[in-house]
Amino acid sequence: MEEAYLQHLSELNVSDLRRLMETYGEDVWNYAYVITRNTHTADDVAQEVFIKAYRSFAGFRGEASIKTWLLKIARNTALSYRMKPFLRKVLLFGDRMPDGVSPLSTSDQRAPSAEAEYMERESADQLWRQVLKLPTKFRDPLVLSAHYGLSMEEISAVTGASLGTVKSRIHRAKKKIADAWEGEIVDE
């Protein structure tokens, strides 16, 4: 999709919105899942993000990339969902992904054998379980950096944290993951 094209529009039409959803829909849903830890809530958040983007596109100033803008909307929307009292109660019972589903996995990757594929998937699942256990203030910057490839400045814009705080939180998140990963290996 041509970001430059979209950045000069004053409003979105339905076909532009569809292209936006096709291009960034998976990223928005995955990030919503990382924050909410619930597939149904991530679905709702992702839908709401694109509704908000459609309604407020005229306010998009182009100071950040469209992806960064959408991820910021996703973060704010997901955090709002998490604060709703009803959802907090529901999430106590339904915050697990179905067995074998990794929130950020892609089906395009193939391993040379079934055994190798299983081992790779199991390692990735273990790693994501550790990432999802992190407190939000560490998890969000790490996911935005490692999975989405955002720069420190873009992460700062999405999270509202200062650049130094973002760098520190990513470093601390990596340390926590490494320590937890090492602990899992020793426990086996």
C-alpha atoms as a PDB file:
ATOM      1  CA  MET A   1       0.000   0.000   0.000  1.00  0.00           C
ATOM      2  CA  GLU A   2       1.220   3.458  -0.779  1.00  0.00           C
ATOM      3  CA  GLU A   3       1.537   5.209   2.586  1.00  0.00           C
ATOM      4  CA  ALA A   4       2.421   8.459   0.840  1.00  0.00           C
ATOM      5  CA  TYR A   5      -0.872   8.258  -1.049  1.00  0.00           C
ATOM      6  CA  LEU A   6      -2.879   7.764   2.146  1.00  0.00           C
ATOM      7  CA  GLN A   7      -1.018  10.457   4.059  1.00  0.00           C
ATOM      8  CA  HIS A   8      -2.291  13.104   1.640  1.00  0.00           C
ATOM      9  CA  LEU A   9      -5.949  12.102   1.809  1.00  0.00           C
ATOM     10  CA  SER A  10      -8.298  14.189   3.913  1.00  0.00           C
ATOM     11  CA  GLU A  11     -10.702  11.269   4.380  1.00  0.00           C
ATOM     12  CA  LEU A  12     -10.842   7.549   3.666  1.00  0.00           C
ATOM     13  CA  ASN A  13     -13.257   5.915   1.316  1.00  0.00           C
ATOM     14  CA  VAL A  14     -14.357   2.297   1.720  1.00  0.00           C
ATOM     15  CA  SER A  15     -11.750   0.876  -0.665  1.00  0.00           C
ATOM     16  CA  ASP A  16      -8.947   2.786   1.113  1.00  0.00           C
ATOM     17  CA  LEU A  17     -10.200   1.461   4.450  1.00  0.00           C
ATOM     18  CA  ARG A  18     -10.267  -2.069   3.058  1.00  0.00           C
ATOM     19  CA  ARG A  19      -6.634  -1.732   1.883  1.00  0.00           C
ATOM     20  CA  LEU A  20      -5.684  -0.362   5.285  1.00  0.00           C
ATOM     21  CA  MET A  21      -7.340  -3.348   6.993  1.00  0.00           C
ATOM     22  CA  GLU A  22      -5.718  -5.842   4.633  1.00  0.00           C
ATOM     23  CA  THR A  23      -2.286  -4.307   5.124  1.00  0.00           C
ATOM     24  CA  TYR A  24      -2.338  -3.677   8.873  1.00  0.00           C
ATOM     25  CA  GLY A  25      -5.200  -5.812  10.199  1.00  0.00           C
ATOM     26  CA  GLU A  26      -3.019  -8.687  11.404  1.00  0.00           C
ATOM     27  CA  ASP A  27      -0.562  -6.335  13.102  1.00  0.00           C
ATOM     28  CA  VAL A  28      -3.388  -4.488  14.863  1.00  0.00           C
ATOM     29  CA  TRP A  29      -5.056  -7.738  15.986  1.00  0.00           C
ATOM     30  CA  ASN A  30      -1.790  -9.249  17.240  1.00  0.00           C
ATOM     31  CA  TYR A  31      -0.949  -6.139  19.227  1.00  0.00           C
ATOM     32  CA  ALA A  32      -4.470  -6.018  20.661  1.00  0.00           C
ATOM     33  CA  TYR A  33      -4.073  -9.654  21.703  1.00  0.00           C
ATOM     34  CA  VAL A  34      -0.724  -8.982  23.371  1.00  0.00           C
ATOM     35  CA  ILE A  35      -2.364  -6.274  25.467  1.00  0.00           C
ATOM     36  CA  THR A  36      -5.704  -7.947  26.221  1.00  0.00           C
ATOM     37  CA  ARG A  37      -4.621 -11.620  26.186  1.00  0.00           C
ATOM     38  CA  ASN A  38      -8.033 -12.590  24.868  1.00  0.00           C
ATOM     39  CA  THR A  39      -8.921 -13.535  21.297  1.00  0.00           C
ATOM     40  CA  HIS A  40     -12.489 -12.221  21.437  1.00  0.00           C
ATOM     41  CA  THR A  41     -11.438  -8.915  22.935  1.00  0.00           C
ATOM     42  CA  ALA A  42      -8.632  -8.615  20.365  1.00  0.00           C
ATOM     43  CA  ASP A  43     -11.265  -9.105  17.636  1.00  0.00           C
ATOM     44  CA  ASP A  44     -13.409  -6.323  19.118  1.00  0.00           C
ATOM     45  CA  VAL A  45     -10.448  -4.004  19.588  1.00  0.00           C
ATOM     46  CA  ALA A  46      -9.197  -4.528  16.033  1.00  0.00           C
ATOM     47  CA  GLN A  47     -12.631  -3.742  14.615  1.00  0.00           C
ATOM     48  CA  GLU A  48     -12.925  -0.652  16.754  1.00  0.00           C
ATOM     49  CA  VAL A  49      -9.447   0.528  15.728  1.00  0.00           C
ATOM     50  CA  PHE A  50     -10.409   0.596  12.065  1.00  0.00           C
ATOM     51  CA  ILE A  51     -13.739   2.265  12.824  1.00  0.00           C
ATOM     52  CA  LYS A  52     -11.866   4.954  14.762  1.00  0.00           C
ATOM     53  CA  ALA A  53      -9.295   5.292  11.981  1.00  0.00           C
ATOM     54  CA  TYR A  54     -12.078   5.689   9.407  1.00  0.00           C
ATOM     55  CA  ARG A  55     -13.873   8.326  11.466  1.00  0.00           C
ATOM     56  CA  SER A  56     -10.783  10.305  12.429  1.00  0.00           C
ATOM     57  CA  PHE A  57      -8.551   9.956   9.376  1.00  0.00           C
ATOM     58  CA  ALA A  58      -8.876  13.674   8.670  1.00  0.00           C
ATOM     59  CA  GLY A  59      -7.048  14.227  11.974  1.00  0.00           C
ATOM     60  CA  PHE A  60      -4.088  12.075  10.897  1.00  0.00           C
ATOM     61  CA  ARG A  61      -1.237  14.574  10.622  1.00  0.00           C
ATOM     62  CA  GLY A  62       1.338  12.280   9.049  1.00  0.00           C
ATOM     63  CA  GLU A  63       3.852  12.895  11.851  1.00  0.00           C
ATOM     64  CA  ALA A  64       4.212   9.118  12.232  1.00  0.00           C
ATOM     65  CA  SER A  65       3.696   6.250   9.821  1.00  0.00           C
ATOM     66  CA  ILE A  66       0.176   4.948   9.342  1.00  0.00           C
ATOM     67  CA  LYS A  67       1.232   1.697  11.035  1.00  0.00           C
ATOM     68  CA  THR A  68       2.458   3.593  14.109  1.00  0.00           C
ATOM     69  CA  TRP A  69      -0.752   5.639  14.186  1.00  0.00           C
ATOM     70  CA  LEU A  70      -2.919   2.501  13.996  1.00  0.00           C
ATOM     71  CA  LEU A  71      -0.875   0.729  16.686  1.00  0.00           C
ATOM     72  CA  LYS A  72      -1.281   3.745  18.971  1.00  0.00           C
ATOM     73  CA  ILE A  73      -5.051   3.640  18.430  1.00  0.00           C
ATOM     74  CA  ALA A  74      -4.937  -0.124  19.091  1.00  0.00           C
ATOM     75  CA  ARG A  75      -3.006   0.366  22.322  1.00  0.00           C
ATOM     76  CA  ASN A  76      -5.358   3.043  23.642  1.00  0.00           C
ATOM     77  CA  THR A  77      -8.445   1.072  22.630  1.00  0.00           C
ATOM     78  CA  ALA A  78      -7.146  -2.176  24.137  1.00  0.00           C
ATOM     79  CA  LEU A  79      -6.203  -0.463  27.390  1.00  0.00           C
ATOM     80  CA  SER A  80      -9.685   1.069  27.532  1.00  0.00           C
ATOM     81  CA  TYR A  81     -11.223  -2.375  27.049  1.00  0.00           C
ATOM     82  CA  ARG A  82      -9.097  -3.786  29.841  1.00  0.00           C
ATOM     83  CA  MET A  83     -10.388  -1.147  32.215  1.00  0.00           C
ATOM     84  CA  LYS A  84     -14.068  -1.975  31.689  1.00  0.00           C
ATOM     85  CA  PRO A  85     -15.312  -3.738  34.851  1.00  0.00           C
ATOM     86  CA  PHE A  86     -17.377  -6.367  33.035  1.00  0.00           C
ATOM     87  CA  LEU A  87     -14.469  -7.373  30.836  1.00  0.00           C
ATOM     88  CA  ARG A  88     -12.107  -7.595  33.805  1.00  0.00           C
ATOM     89  CA  LYS A  89     -14.425 -10.186  35.355  1.00  0.00           C
ATOM     90  CA  VAL A  90     -14.881 -12.118  32.100  1.00  0.00           C
ATOM     91  CA  LEU A  91     -11.141 -12.187  31.417  1.00  0.00           C
ATOM     92  CA  LEU A  92     -10.518 -13.996  34.670  1.00  0.00           C
ATOM     93  CA  PHE A  93     -12.090 -17.053  33.064  1.00  0.00           C
ATOM     94  CA  GLY A  94     -11.388 -16.686  29.358  1.00  0.00           C
ATOM     95  CA  ASP A  95      -7.908 -15.291  28.853  1.00  0.00           C
ATOM     96  CA  ARG A  96      -6.266 -18.308  27.234  1.00  0.00           C
ATOM     97  CA  MET A  97      -5.533 -18.938  23.574  1.00  0.00           C
ATOM     98  CA  PRO A  98      -6.722 -22.288  22.235  1.00  0.00           C
ATOM     99  CA  ASP A  99      -4.100 -25.035  22.561  1.00  0.00           C
ATOM    100  CA  GLY A 100      -1.454 -24.887  19.889  1.00  0.00           C
ATOM    101  CA  VAL A 101      -2.270 -21.331  18.778  1.00  0.00           C
ATOM    102  CA  SER A 102       0.488 -18.790  19.104  1.00  0.00           C
ATOM    103  CA  PRO A 103      -0.726 -15.178  19.108  1.00  0.00           C
ATOM    104  CA  LEU A 104       1.971 -13.905  16.778  1.00  0.00           C
ATOM    105  CA  SER A 105       2.764 -16.936  14.676  1.00  0.00           C
ATOM    106  CA  THR A 106       2.588 -17.056  10.920  1.00  0.00           C
ATOM    107  CA  SER A 107       1.588 -20.070   8.913  1.00  0.00           C
ATOM    108  CA  ASP A 108       3.941 -19.264   6.026  1.00  0.00           C
ATOM    109  CA  GLN A 109       7.026 -20.697   7.743  1.00  0.00           C
ATOM    110  CA  ARG A 110       7.793 -24.362   7.133  1.00  0.00           C
ATOM    111  CA  ALA A 111      10.391 -26.531   8.841  1.00  0.00           C
ATOM    112  CA  PRO A 112      12.176 -29.322   6.991  1.00  0.00           C
ATOM    113  CA  SER A 113      10.511 -32.089   9.016  1.00  0.00           C
ATOM    114  CA  ALA A 114       7.513 -32.544  11.282  1.00  0.00           C
ATOM    115  CA  GLU A 115       9.799 -33.040  14.273  1.00  0.00           C
ATOM    116  CA  ALA A 116      11.787 -29.894  13.534  1.00  0.00           C
ATOM    117  CA  GLU A 117       8.568 -27.971  12.959  1.00  0.00           C
ATOM    118  CA  TYR A 118       7.183 -29.133  16.296  1.00  0.00           C
ATOM    119  CA  MET A 119      10.369 -28.209  18.165  1.00  0.00           C
ATOM    120  CA  GLU A 120      10.497 -24.784  16.547  1.00  0.00           C
ATOM    121  CA  ARG A 121       6.833 -24.113  17.312  1.00  0.00           C
ATOM    122  CA  GLU A 122       7.229 -25.315  20.900  1.00  0.00           C
ATOM    123  CA  SER A 123      10.234 -23.028  21.450  1.00  0.00           C
ATOM    124  CA  ALA A 124       8.401 -20.065  19.956  1.00  0.00           C
ATOM    125  CA  ASP A 125       5.325 -20.795  22.084  1.00  0.00           C
ATOM    126  CA  GLN A 126       7.457 -20.993  25.229  1.00  0.00           C
ATOM    127  CA  LEU A 127       9.098 -17.699  24.373  1.00  0.00           C
ATOM    128  CA  TRP A 128       5.749 -15.970  23.734  1.00  0.00           C
ATOM    129  CA  ARG A 129       4.366 -17.371  26.998  1.00  0.00           C
ATOM    130  CA  GLN A 130       7.274 -15.676  28.767  1.00  0.00           C
ATOM    131  CA  VAL A 131       6.687 -12.432  26.853  1.00  0.00           C
ATOM    132  CA  LEU A 132       2.979 -12.471  27.735  1.00  0.00           C
ATOM    133  CA  LYS A 133       3.838 -12.914  31.427  1.00  0.00           C
ATOM    134  CA  LEU A 134       5.742  -9.617  31.454  1.00  0.00           C
ATOM    135  CA  PRO A 135       4.046  -6.593  32.986  1.00  0.00           C
ATOM    136  CA  THR A 136       2.444  -4.365  30.348  1.00  0.00           C
ATOM    137  CA  LYS A 137       5.016  -1.602  30.746  1.00  0.00           C
ATOM    138  CA  PHE A 138       7.771  -4.025  29.644  1.00  0.00           C
ATOM    139  CA  ARG A 139       5.758  -6.218  27.266  1.00  0.00           C
ATOM    140  CA  ASP A 140       4.415  -3.453  25.012  1.00  0.00           C
ATOM    141  CA  PRO A 141       7.739  -1.826  24.068  1.00  0.00           C
ATOM    142  CA  LEU A 142       9.387  -5.231  23.566  1.00  0.00           C
ATOM    143  CA  VAL A 143       6.630  -6.465  21.230  1.00  0.00           C
ATOM    144  CA  LEU A 144       6.572  -3.197  19.301  1.00  0.00           C
ATOM    145  CA  SER A 145      10.328  -3.440  18.818  1.00  0.00           C
ATOM    146  CA  ALA A 146      10.859  -7.165  18.258  1.00  0.00           C
ATOM    147  CA  HIS A 147       7.710  -8.101  16.373  1.00  0.00           C
ATOM    148  CA  TYR A 148       6.671  -4.902  14.628  1.00  0.00           C
ATOM    149  CA  GLY A 149      10.143  -3.457  14.047  1.00  0.00           C
ATOM    150  CA  LEU A 150       9.223   0.024  15.237  1.00  0.00           C
ATOM    151  CA  SER A 151      12.006   2.464  16.029  1.00  0.00           C
ATOM    152  CA  MET A 152      12.534   3.703  19.582  1.00  0.00           C
ATOM    153  CA  GLU A 153      10.974   7.033  18.581  1.00  0.00           C
ATOM    154  CA  GLU A 154       7.890   5.307  17.156  1.00  0.00           C
ATOM    155  CA  ILE A 155       7.532   3.162  20.286  1.00  0.00           C
ATOM    156  CA  SER A 156       7.765   6.318  22.358  1.00  0.00           C
ATOM    157  CA  ALA A 157       4.981   7.855  20.265  1.00  0.00           C
ATOM    158  CA  VAL A 158       2.760   4.761  20.584  1.00  0.00           C
ATOM    159  CA  THR A 159       3.247   4.239  24.329  1.00  0.00           C
ATOM    160  CA  GLY A 160       3.579   7.862  25.411  1.00  0.00           C
ATOM    161  CA  ALA A 161       6.767   7.035  27.335  1.00  0.00           C
ATOM    162  CA  SER A 162       9.959   9.034  26.929  1.00  0.00           C
ATOM    163  CA  LEU A 163      12.694   7.719  24.650  1.00  0.00           C
ATOM    164  CA  GLY A 164      14.961   6.856  27.595  1.00  0.00           C
ATOM    165  CA  THR A 165      12.141   5.019  29.339  1.00  0.00           C
ATOM    166  CA  VAL A 166      11.412   2.996  26.198  1.00  0.00           C
ATOM    167  CA  LYS A 167      15.063   1.975  25.857  1.00  0.00           C
ATOM    168  CA  SER A 168      15.264   1.047  29.524  1.00  0.00           C
ATOM    169  CA  ARG A 169      12.045  -0.976  29.443  1.00  0.00           C
ATOM    170  CA  ILE A 170      13.105  -2.923  26.357  1.00  0.00           C
ATOM    171  CA  HIS A 171      16.458  -3.706  27.955  1.00  0.00           C
ATOM    172  CA  ARG A 172      14.798  -4.800  31.205  1.00  0.00           C
ATOM    173  CA  ALA A 173      12.186  -6.861  29.320  1.00  0.00           C
ATOM    174  CA  LYS A 174      14.908  -8.716  27.431  1.00  0.00           C
ATOM    175  CA  LYS A 175      16.737  -9.373  30.691  1.00  0.00           C
ATOM    176  CA  LYS A 176      13.561 -10.692  32.350  1.00  0.00           C
ATOM    177  CA  ILE A 177      12.873 -12.974  29.359  1.00  0.00           C
ATOM    178  CA  ALA A 178      16.462 -14.240  29.327  1.00  0.00           C
ATOM    179  CA  ASP A 179      16.348 -14.942  33.065  1.00  0.00           C
ATOM    180  CA  ALA A 180      12.980 -16.715  32.782  1.00  0.00           C
ATOM    181  CA  TRP A 181      14.142 -18.688  29.724  1.00  0.00           C
ATOM    182  CA  GLU A 182      17.283 -19.766  31.543  1.00  0.00           C
ATOM    183  CA  GLY A 183      15.170 -20.795  34.549  1.00  0.00           C
ATOM    184  CA  GLU A 184      12.911 -22.959  32.343  1.00  0.00           C
ATOM    185  CA  ILE A 185      15.895 -24.740  30.817  1.00  0.00           C
ATOM    186  CA  VAL A 186      17.431 -25.405  34.249  1.00  0.00           C
ATOM    187  CA  ASP A 187      14.075 -26.707  35.581  1.00  0.00           C
ATOM    188  CA  GLU A 188      13.791 -29.304  32.799  1.00  0.00           C
END
